Structure formats: structure tokens, C-alpha cells
Amino acid sequence: MLQHAEVIGFTRHVALLSPFARVDRVSRTTRVVALGRPLSVPVGRMLLGRVVDSLGWPIDGGAPVQAGDLRSVFAEPPAPMRRCPIAVPLATGVRAVDAMLTLAEGQRMGIFAPAGVGKSTLLGMLARGAHCDVNVIALIGERGREVREFVETILGREGMARSVVVCATSDRSAIERAKAAYVATAIAESFRDEGQRVLLMMDSLTRFARALREVGLAAGESPVRRGFPPSVFAELPRLLERAGMGERGSITALYTVLEEDDAGGDPVSEEVRGIVDGHMVLSRAIAAKNQYPAIDVLGSLSRVMSQVVPPDHVEAAGRVRRLLAQYGEIEALLQIGEYQGGTNAIADEAIAKIDVIRAFLSQRAGTYEGFEETRDALFRLAEHGA
């Protein structure tokens, strides 16, 4: 029986191994052979349209992946002064994103969402609509049913044609779930080195961190924050810094983070917010109003938006934000009939425009709008008294 494992620690003269699969048939007499190299996976265009596991092996029932260049799943991020600056917007075809949270090539964005608010559907829309050359998608800790549904229904044949999916479902070992993130990043880096514009999507970074927690605790690390050992918080920036601009191509990265409902702060969420270049928050309250994508515009921010769109776009988006914020302040008064019109011009305008704004921010899955058309619609929406 051939089994793969990774060294995760040492105890005196004993190496601690974490297996990639079950160890039912492993005994004390099982021979262990060191490969003398880090985990490496095949990379190249032959991976497009394929679903692979954390070892780079296809699991979609198709033909074996032809041997290509092998690449270590571990790499140093590009040197800071060798990165090209972020300067080009990334059109996605999703109005709420392009208008209010404009992404840029080489940006790293966190998508913070509770369960059941349309996160997977939004990722599928971005994968199909984004103006990029290649999608690399890591599905970490998902249910097996959801993987096939995402590949065949949400992503579809058109999306898969330019995509590579790396999958480690919830039943896989902790080390395999953790390695899926590194494998996906390595594949994305290989395309970036070819000068490609890559969109890397990881769902979810929370499950990656939980897998690292399992590995760290098994190796004897002490928990420090909500059960997470220190190595988790050291590894998050190492992984996320590998995305971004390179010398030739770019990796625009979207990392989903599962938001917890308890009152205390989630350490993974807090850590990721401090690393990424922006955050997109999906709201259960907005989803309850049947507004999809359920993006909480007021709670979201793209830190590089002002670098890639003209000032009038930033100003128009800011004015729509102000109208949304003003409506939120008076909504309770409207519901009980206590609001008096004519006392606040901004509030009156917000009331008059709220339905149009919500319609603008809503979008049916599978429909897309050009970047210029979205910007023109935003300008009309932001006009005083329009």
C-alpha cells in the first residue's frame, strides 16, 4: 500500500507524520521512505477544465493528467519591489461589485459571509464574468454534493473551460484539506509566471485555518486564540502574500471567510481583514429581502478602488453609499409612520431612490453587465434629484 504523509514536527529522535489518507492498514513495521523534496504537483494548461485533489491527481473521472512541469506547492511571495503596481480595474460583470467595490488586477479581497446567503452563487458569477484568462478555484472542506453542484451547475461548462478546480472535501484528512490551498496557489502562480491574468478563488479560508489547527494541535502546539495555535496566524500571511501582482502576470485573489454569529470576535476573520486589500460582506438580512447578491455595501470596502477608477466614479459611489446610510437611519421611522418629509433633503432623496438603488444592486445569476454600462448607471443614480 502506498501512502503519503508529511512531517509536521519532531519529538526528540522521532519525526511526527500527518497522513494524507486513512491509516487503517499502517503498522509499526510499515516502511517509511523520505522523498527528499517538498510536495510538488504538475502544472500547465493541461489542467484547464479539470478537477484535482491535494496531490494534483484528477478526481473528475477523466483521463489522467499528462506529466508536465512539477512545481513545489511552497514558494516565497514575489519581492515587494519586483511587483508591478496595481493600476488596472478588473471588470466582473456584477453591478454591485463593479460600481461600489471595484476590484483591481492583483488585489486580494476577503468575502466574509455566514452560511446560506448565496456565497457560492456569487463566486460562480465572478468566475464566469471576470475579465481574466484563467480561474483557479480551491474548494476546501465542502460537502461532496456541493462540489459537483458548483462545477456543473454554478460554474458550468463555459466557466470550467478556463478553470482549474482543486478539491478537498470535509471527509478528507486535515493535512489534505490544508494542502489544497497551497496546491491551488502554486497552480495560480504557474499561470501568473506565464504572464496570464489569474483569478484565484478559495472557499474557504476558514476551513483551511481549521485544518491547520488540527495539524498543529496534533503536533503538540499549544492553543492561544480560540483554540488556534500560533502557527495558524503565521501561515495565513505567508499564503495570502503569494497572490497579487508579479513581474509579468497577476493573481487576483478572492478568499471566503465564514462569519460566526456569536458576540466574540472570530480570530481568523480579524486576522484576514488585516492582511487583504479589501473586504466584501454578505448579509443575512439583505438575503432575507431576496436581494442577491446579498452584498452589504455599507459594510464592505475595496482599498484599491481609488487607484483604478477615476475620481468621479469614486464620488458617485460615495454618494450612493450616503443615500443607503441615510435610509438605514430613518427606516424605523418610516415603518411606524413617524417620518416627516421635507425636513431632510438627503433623507427625502434616499426614500425616493431606495427601490431603484436596490434594483441596481440586485442581479440575477447568469446575467452580466458591461463595466461602462454599470458606471453610466451609477452616475445616473448618484445625480441630485434624479
Protein backbone atom coordinates (compact mmCIF):
# COMPACT_ATOMS: atom_id res chain seq x y z
CA MET A 1 0.00 0.00 0.00
CA LEU A 2 1.36 3.42 -0.99
CA GLN A 3 0.55 6.20 1.44
CA HIS A 4 1.65 9.82 1.51
CA ALA A 5 2.37 11.76 4.67
CA GLU A 6 4.10 14.98 5.64
CA VAL A 7 6.47 15.69 8.50
CA ILE A 8 4.74 18.14 10.84
CA GLY A 9 7.09 18.08 13.83
CA PHE A 10 9.72 16.30 15.85
CA THR A 11 9.85 14.76 19.32
CA ARG A 12 13.46 14.09 20.28
CA HIS A 13 14.55 11.49 17.69
CA VAL A 14 11.05 10.82 16.35
CA ALA A 15 9.52 12.55 13.31
CA LEU A 16 5.78 13.21 13.52
CA LEU A 17 3.92 12.45 10.28
CA SER A 18 0.47 13.55 9.24
CA PRO A 19 -1.06 11.14 6.67
CA PHE A 20 -2.99 12.27 3.62
CA ALA A 21 -5.45 9.37 3.93
CA ARG A 22 -6.68 6.77 6.41
CA VAL A 23 -4.09 4.70 8.26
CA ASP A 24 -6.15 1.56 8.84
CA ARG A 25 -3.50 -0.70 7.28
CA VAL A 26 -0.42 1.08 8.58
CA SER A 27 1.55 -0.71 11.32
CA ARG A 28 4.76 -0.22 13.27
CA THR A 29 6.57 -2.33 10.68
CA THR A 30 5.40 -0.25 7.71
CA ARG A 31 8.37 1.08 5.80
CA VAL A 32 8.69 4.88 5.67
CA VAL A 33 10.73 6.44 2.86
CA ALA A 34 11.69 10.11 2.72
CA LEU A 35 11.21 11.65 -0.72
CA GLY A 36 13.74 14.37 -0.01
CA ARG A 37 11.59 17.10 -1.54
CA PRO A 38 8.50 19.12 -0.66
CA LEU A 39 5.11 18.25 -2.08
CA SER A 40 5.10 19.04 -5.81
CA VAL A 41 2.24 18.95 -8.32
CA PRO A 42 2.02 19.05 -12.13
CA VAL A 43 1.19 22.45 -13.58
CA GLY A 44 0.32 23.66 -17.05
CA ARG A 45 -2.56 24.28 -19.41
CA MET A 46 -3.46 20.57 -19.42
CA LEU A 47 -5.13 21.25 -16.05
CA LEU A 48 -7.75 23.59 -17.54
CA GLY A 49 -11.21 22.09 -17.23
CA ARG A 50 -10.06 19.53 -14.66
CA VAL A 51 -10.87 18.81 -11.01
CA VAL A 52 -7.85 17.62 -8.99
CA ASP A 53 -7.13 16.70 -5.39
CA SER A 54 -4.48 17.96 -2.98
CA LEU A 55 -1.81 15.86 -4.69
CA GLY A 56 -2.68 17.20 -8.13
CA TRP A 57 -4.33 13.93 -9.20
CA PRO A 58 -7.57 14.20 -11.25
CA ILE A 59 -10.77 13.14 -9.48
CA ASP A 60 -13.26 14.07 -12.20
CA GLY A 61 -13.29 10.66 -13.90
CA GLY A 62 -11.44 11.99 -16.93
CA ALA A 63 -8.18 10.90 -18.48
CA PRO A 64 -5.02 11.03 -16.37
CA VAL A 65 -3.25 14.37 -16.37
CA GLN A 66 -0.30 14.25 -18.74
CA ALA A 67 3.00 14.73 -16.99
CA GLY A 68 4.00 18.37 -17.18
CA ASP A 69 6.32 20.58 -15.19
CA LEU A 70 6.35 19.80 -11.48
CA ARG A 71 6.12 22.74 -9.10
CA SER A 72 6.56 22.80 -5.35
CA VAL A 73 3.41 23.85 -3.53
CA PHE A 74 5.57 26.07 -1.29
CA ALA A 75 7.07 29.28 -2.63
CA GLU A 76 8.19 32.67 -1.43
CA PRO A 77 5.95 35.64 -2.32
CA PRO A 78 7.23 37.98 -5.04
CA ALA A 79 9.73 40.50 -3.71
CA PRO A 80 7.92 43.75 -2.82
CA MET A 81 9.97 45.93 -5.17
CA ARG A 82 9.62 43.48 -8.06
CA ARG A 83 5.82 43.54 -8.07
CA CYS A 84 4.15 45.65 -10.71
CA PRO A 85 1.90 48.31 -9.14
CA ILE A 86 -1.87 47.81 -9.04
CA ALA A 87 -3.29 50.08 -11.73
CA VAL A 88 -5.94 48.23 -13.80
CA PRO A 89 -9.56 47.59 -12.78
CA LEU A 90 -10.91 44.05 -13.03
CA ALA A 91 -14.39 44.07 -14.53
CA THR A 92 -16.60 41.26 -13.19
CA GLY A 93 -19.96 41.90 -14.84
CA VAL A 94 -21.55 42.11 -11.37
CA ARG A 95 -23.00 45.61 -10.95
CA ALA A 96 -22.71 45.85 -7.17
CA VAL A 97 -19.02 44.92 -7.33
CA ASP A 98 -18.00 46.95 -10.38
CA ALA A 99 -19.84 50.08 -9.23
CA MET A 100 -19.38 50.12 -5.46
CA LEU A 101 -16.39 47.83 -4.74
CA THR A 102 -14.34 47.94 -7.92
CA LEU A 103 -11.74 45.18 -7.94
CA ALA A 104 -8.27 45.57 -9.42
CA GLU A 105 -5.94 43.11 -11.09
CA GLY A 106 -3.63 41.80 -8.38
CA GLN A 107 -5.95 42.68 -5.50
CA ARG A 108 -6.68 40.30 -2.61
CA MET A 109 -10.27 40.56 -1.41
CA GLY A 110 -11.87 38.79 1.53
CA ILE A 111 -15.51 37.71 1.19
CA PHE A 112 -17.00 37.48 4.69
CA ALA A 113 -20.28 35.62 4.85
CA PRO A 114 -22.45 33.45 7.10
CA ALA A 115 -23.94 30.25 5.73
CA GLY A 116 -26.84 30.35 3.30
CA VAL A 117 -26.52 33.84 1.79
CA GLY A 118 -25.56 32.92 -1.80
CA LYS A 119 -21.77 32.89 -1.44
CA SER A 120 -21.23 30.01 -3.88
CA THR A 121 -23.56 31.59 -6.44
CA LEU A 122 -21.64 34.87 -6.23
CA LEU A 123 -18.33 33.04 -6.70
CA GLY A 124 -19.74 31.33 -9.77
CA MET A 125 -20.86 34.68 -11.21
CA LEU A 126 -17.42 36.17 -10.62
CA ALA A 127 -15.67 33.15 -12.13
CA ARG A 128 -17.74 33.35 -15.32
CA GLY A 129 -17.93 37.12 -15.64
CA ALA A 130 -14.48 38.33 -14.59
CA HIS A 131 -12.21 39.61 -17.35
CA CYS A 132 -9.33 37.25 -16.66
CA ASP A 133 -7.51 34.49 -18.52
CA VAL A 134 -7.63 31.63 -16.01
CA ASN A 135 -9.65 30.73 -12.90
CA VAL A 136 -8.10 28.60 -10.16
CA ILE A 137 -10.68 27.56 -7.59
CA ALA A 138 -9.94 25.82 -4.28
CA LEU A 139 -12.90 24.12 -2.59
CA ILE A 140 -11.76 23.29 0.94
CA GLY A 141 -13.88 21.37 3.42
CA GLU A 142 -17.02 21.46 1.28
CA ARG A 143 -19.63 18.71 1.21
CA GLY A 144 -19.14 16.30 -1.68
CA ARG A 145 -22.57 17.10 -3.10
CA GLU A 146 -21.73 20.80 -3.24
CA VAL A 147 -18.53 20.25 -5.23
CA ARG A 148 -20.28 18.64 -8.19
CA GLU A 149 -23.11 21.18 -7.98
CA PHE A 150 -20.60 24.03 -8.09
CA VAL A 151 -18.66 22.56 -11.01
CA GLU A 152 -21.61 21.52 -13.19
CA THR A 153 -24.37 23.97 -12.25
CA ILE A 154 -22.90 27.14 -10.79
CA LEU A 155 -19.65 27.27 -12.78
CA GLY A 156 -20.99 25.47 -15.83
CA ARG A 157 -19.23 24.28 -18.97
CA GLU A 158 -18.30 27.81 -20.04
CA GLY A 159 -16.70 28.61 -16.68
CA MET A 160 -14.89 25.26 -16.43
CA ALA A 161 -13.30 25.72 -19.85
CA ARG A 162 -10.87 28.25 -18.37
CA SER A 163 -10.78 26.91 -14.80
CA VAL A 164 -8.85 24.50 -12.61
CA VAL A 165 -10.66 23.23 -9.51
CA VAL A 166 -8.68 21.90 -6.54
CA CYS A 167 -10.90 19.97 -4.16
CA ALA A 168 -10.52 18.55 -0.64
CA THR A 169 -13.93 17.70 0.82
CA SER A 170 -14.82 17.73 4.51
CA ASP A 171 -14.18 13.98 4.89
CA ARG A 172 -10.54 14.25 3.84
CA SER A 173 -7.69 14.42 6.34
CA ALA A 174 -6.68 17.73 7.88
CA ILE A 175 -3.33 17.80 6.08
CA GLU A 176 -5.06 17.20 2.74
CA ARG A 177 -7.56 20.00 3.35
CA ALA A 178 -4.74 22.35 4.29
CA LYS A 179 -2.61 21.41 1.28
CA ALA A 180 -5.46 22.17 -1.15
CA ALA A 181 -4.85 25.88 -0.52
CA TYR A 182 -1.13 25.58 -1.29
CA VAL A 183 -1.76 23.47 -4.41
CA ALA A 184 -4.27 25.98 -5.80
CA THR A 185 -1.89 28.87 -5.10
CA ALA A 186 1.01 27.06 -6.78
CA ILE A 187 -1.10 26.38 -9.89
CA ALA A 188 -2.16 30.04 -9.98
CA GLU A 189 1.48 31.13 -9.66
CA SER A 190 2.48 28.96 -12.62
CA PHE A 191 -0.07 30.72 -14.84
CA ARG A 192 0.99 34.14 -13.48
CA ASP A 193 4.60 33.37 -14.38
CA GLU A 194 3.42 32.85 -17.97
CA GLY A 195 2.02 36.39 -18.00
CA GLN A 196 -1.60 35.33 -17.51
CA ARG A 197 -4.24 37.27 -15.56
CA VAL A 198 -5.38 34.74 -12.96
CA LEU A 199 -8.42 34.82 -10.69
CA LEU A 200 -7.77 32.66 -7.62
CA MET A 201 -10.83 31.83 -5.50
CA MET A 202 -10.53 29.96 -2.21
CA ASP A 203 -13.65 28.68 -0.43
CA SER A 204 -12.99 28.77 2.37
CA LEU A 205 -10.01 30.24 4.18
CA THR A 206 -11.74 29.48 7.48
CA ARG A 207 -11.71 25.74 6.79
CA PHE A 208 -8.07 26.00 5.74
CA ALA A 209 -7.29 27.59 9.12
CA ARG A 210 -9.29 24.91 10.94
CA ALA A 211 -7.34 22.19 9.13
CA LEU A 212 -4.07 23.85 10.15
CA ARG A 213 -5.39 23.94 13.71
CA GLU A 214 -5.97 20.17 13.67
CA VAL A 215 -2.46 19.57 12.35
CA GLY A 216 -0.85 21.97 14.81
CA LEU A 217 -2.63 20.56 17.86
CA ALA A 218 -1.78 17.01 16.77
CA ALA A 219 1.88 18.06 16.59
CA GLY A 220 1.74 19.28 20.19
CA GLU A 221 1.33 23.04 19.71
CA SER A 222 -0.47 24.98 22.42
CA PRO A 223 -3.71 26.80 21.55
CA VAL A 224 -3.55 30.57 22.02
CA ARG A 225 -6.63 32.19 20.43
CA ARG A 226 -9.96 30.38 20.41
CA GLY A 227 -8.17 27.04 20.16
CA PHE A 228 -5.90 28.09 17.28
CA PRO A 229 -2.14 27.55 17.74
CA PRO A 230 0.34 30.30 16.79
CA SER A 231 1.38 28.57 13.56
CA VAL A 232 -2.04 29.27 12.01
CA PHE A 233 -1.60 33.03 12.30
CA ALA A 234 1.95 32.79 10.99
CA GLU A 235 0.84 30.75 7.98
CA LEU A 236 -2.08 32.96 6.87
CA PRO A 237 0.06 35.92 5.67
CA ARG A 238 2.58 33.53 4.10
CA LEU A 239 -0.17 32.06 1.94
CA LEU A 240 -2.03 35.27 1.13
CA GLU A 241 1.10 37.26 0.25
CA ARG A 242 1.82 34.83 -2.59
CA ALA A 243 -1.13 36.28 -4.54
CA GLY A 244 -1.06 39.71 -6.15
CA MET A 245 0.94 41.29 -8.93
CA GLY A 246 4.04 39.64 -10.33
CA GLU A 247 6.64 40.91 -12.76
CA ARG A 248 4.52 39.83 -15.75
CA GLY A 249 1.10 38.47 -14.84
CA SER A 250 -1.23 38.87 -11.89
CA ILE A 251 -3.21 36.83 -9.37
CA THR A 252 -6.40 38.50 -8.22
CA ALA A 253 -7.48 36.52 -5.16
CA LEU A 254 -10.88 36.15 -3.50
CA TYR A 255 -10.81 34.39 -0.13
CA THR A 256 -14.08 33.49 1.58
CA VAL A 257 -14.26 33.63 5.36
CA LEU A 258 -17.12 32.05 7.30
CA GLU A 259 -18.52 34.60 9.73
CA GLU A 260 -19.61 33.29 13.11
CA ASP A 261 -22.79 34.54 14.75
CA ASP A 262 -21.50 34.75 18.32
CA ALA A 263 -20.71 38.04 20.01
CA GLY A 264 -17.00 37.38 20.34
CA GLY A 265 -14.53 38.21 17.60
CA ASP A 266 -13.51 35.41 15.27
CA PRO A 267 -9.68 35.38 15.25
CA VAL A 268 -9.43 34.10 11.66
CA SER A 269 -11.78 36.81 10.40
CA GLU A 270 -9.88 39.51 12.30
CA GLU A 271 -6.53 38.27 11.03
CA VAL A 272 -7.62 38.08 7.39
CA ARG A 273 -9.14 41.57 7.44
CA GLY A 274 -5.75 42.95 8.38
CA ILE A 275 -3.98 41.17 5.51
CA VAL A 276 -6.23 41.55 2.46
CA ASP A 277 -6.76 44.64 0.30
CA GLY A 278 -10.48 44.89 0.97
CA HIS A 279 -13.49 43.07 2.34
CA MET A 280 -16.84 42.18 0.81
CA VAL A 281 -19.50 41.41 3.42
CA LEU A 282 -22.54 39.29 2.59
CA SER A 283 -25.53 39.94 4.84
CA ARG A 284 -28.21 37.53 6.01
CA ALA A 285 -30.59 40.50 6.49
CA ILE A 286 -30.16 41.57 2.85
CA ALA A 287 -30.59 37.99 1.65
CA ALA A 288 -33.84 37.80 3.67
CA LYS A 289 -35.16 40.64 1.48
CA ASN A 290 -34.46 38.44 -1.58
CA GLN A 291 -31.76 40.85 -2.77
CA TYR A 292 -28.93 38.91 -4.41
CA PRO A 293 -26.01 39.14 -4.43
CA ALA A 294 -26.54 39.94 -0.74
CA ILE A 295 -23.62 42.37 -0.53
CA ASP A 296 -23.69 44.79 2.39
CA VAL A 297 -22.29 47.78 0.54
CA LEU A 298 -22.00 49.90 3.69
CA GLY A 299 -20.01 47.21 5.48
CA SER A 300 -17.73 46.47 2.52
CA LEU A 301 -14.64 48.21 1.20
CA SER A 302 -12.19 47.92 -1.69
CA ARG A 303 -8.96 49.58 -0.53
CA VAL A 304 -7.55 49.97 -4.04
CA MET A 305 -10.70 51.22 -5.77
CA SER A 306 -9.50 54.84 -5.85
CA GLN A 307 -6.29 53.71 -7.62
CA VAL A 308 -8.04 52.13 -10.60
CA VAL A 309 -11.16 54.23 -11.30
CA PRO A 310 -11.47 57.99 -11.95
CA PRO A 311 -12.45 60.39 -9.13
CA ASP A 312 -15.99 60.90 -10.48
CA HIS A 313 -16.64 57.15 -10.14
CA VAL A 314 -15.42 57.19 -6.53
CA GLU A 315 -17.56 60.26 -5.81
CA ALA A 316 -20.69 58.72 -7.35
CA ALA A 317 -20.22 55.50 -5.37
CA GLY A 318 -19.74 57.55 -2.21
CA ARG A 319 -22.97 59.43 -2.80
CA VAL A 320 -24.96 56.21 -3.28
CA ARG A 321 -23.41 54.93 -0.04
CA ARG A 322 -24.56 58.10 1.71
CA LEU A 323 -28.11 57.60 0.45
CA LEU A 324 -28.11 54.00 1.67
CA ALA A 325 -26.76 55.05 5.07
CA GLN A 326 -29.35 57.81 5.38
CA TYR A 327 -32.19 55.45 4.53
CA GLY A 328 -30.93 52.99 7.15
CA GLU A 329 -31.15 55.73 9.79
CA ILE A 330 -34.79 56.60 9.04
CA GLU A 331 -36.15 53.18 8.05
CA ALA A 332 -37.58 52.50 11.51
CA LEU A 333 -39.40 55.85 11.48
CA LEU A 334 -40.88 55.06 8.07
CA GLN A 335 -42.17 51.71 9.27
CA ILE A 336 -44.12 53.27 12.14
CA GLY A 337 -45.24 56.30 10.12
CA GLU A 338 -43.31 58.86 12.18
CA TYR A 339 -41.08 60.29 9.47
CA GLN A 340 -41.91 63.86 8.41
CA GLY A 341 -40.94 64.61 4.83
CA GLY A 342 -39.36 67.92 3.87
CA THR A 343 -37.11 68.23 6.92
CA ASN A 344 -34.05 66.50 5.45
CA ALA A 345 -33.32 66.73 1.72
CA ILE A 346 -30.89 63.79 1.71
CA ALA A 347 -33.38 61.60 3.57
CA ASP A 348 -36.15 62.54 1.15
CA GLU A 349 -33.91 61.69 -1.81
CA ALA A 350 -32.96 58.38 -0.19
CA ILE A 351 -36.63 57.45 0.23
CA ALA A 352 -37.36 58.35 -3.39
CA LYS A 353 -34.42 56.34 -4.73
CA ILE A 354 -34.21 53.33 -2.42
CA ASP A 355 -36.12 50.97 -4.69
CA VAL A 356 -34.02 51.98 -7.70
CA ILE A 357 -30.80 51.56 -5.71
CA ARG A 358 -31.80 48.10 -4.51
CA ALA A 359 -32.74 47.09 -8.04
CA PHE A 360 -29.35 48.33 -9.26
CA LEU A 361 -27.51 46.31 -6.60
CA SER A 362 -29.55 43.18 -7.34
CA GLN A 363 -28.66 40.89 -10.23
CA ARG A 364 -29.93 37.54 -11.37
CA ALA A 365 -27.33 34.76 -11.54
CA GLY A 366 -26.09 34.20 -15.08
CA THR A 367 -26.64 37.81 -16.18
CA TYR A 368 -23.78 40.26 -16.64
CA GLU A 369 -23.37 43.94 -17.45
CA GLY A 370 -20.51 45.76 -19.11
CA PHE A 371 -18.24 47.93 -16.98
CA GLU A 372 -19.04 51.15 -18.85
CA GLU A 373 -22.80 50.48 -18.73
CA THR A 374 -22.55 49.89 -14.98
CA ARG A 375 -20.62 53.12 -14.49
CA ASP A 376 -23.13 55.13 -16.53
CA ALA A 377 -25.99 53.69 -14.48
CA LEU A 378 -24.12 54.59 -11.27
CA PHE A 379 -23.70 58.20 -12.43
CA ARG A 380 -27.42 58.48 -13.19
CA LEU A 381 -28.26 57.04 -9.79
CA ALA A 382 -25.98 59.50 -8.00
CA GLU A 383 -27.36 62.59 -9.73
CA HIS A 384 -29.01 65.06 -7.35
CA GLY A 385 -32.76 64.87 -7.61
CA ALA A 386 -32.64 62.23 -10.36
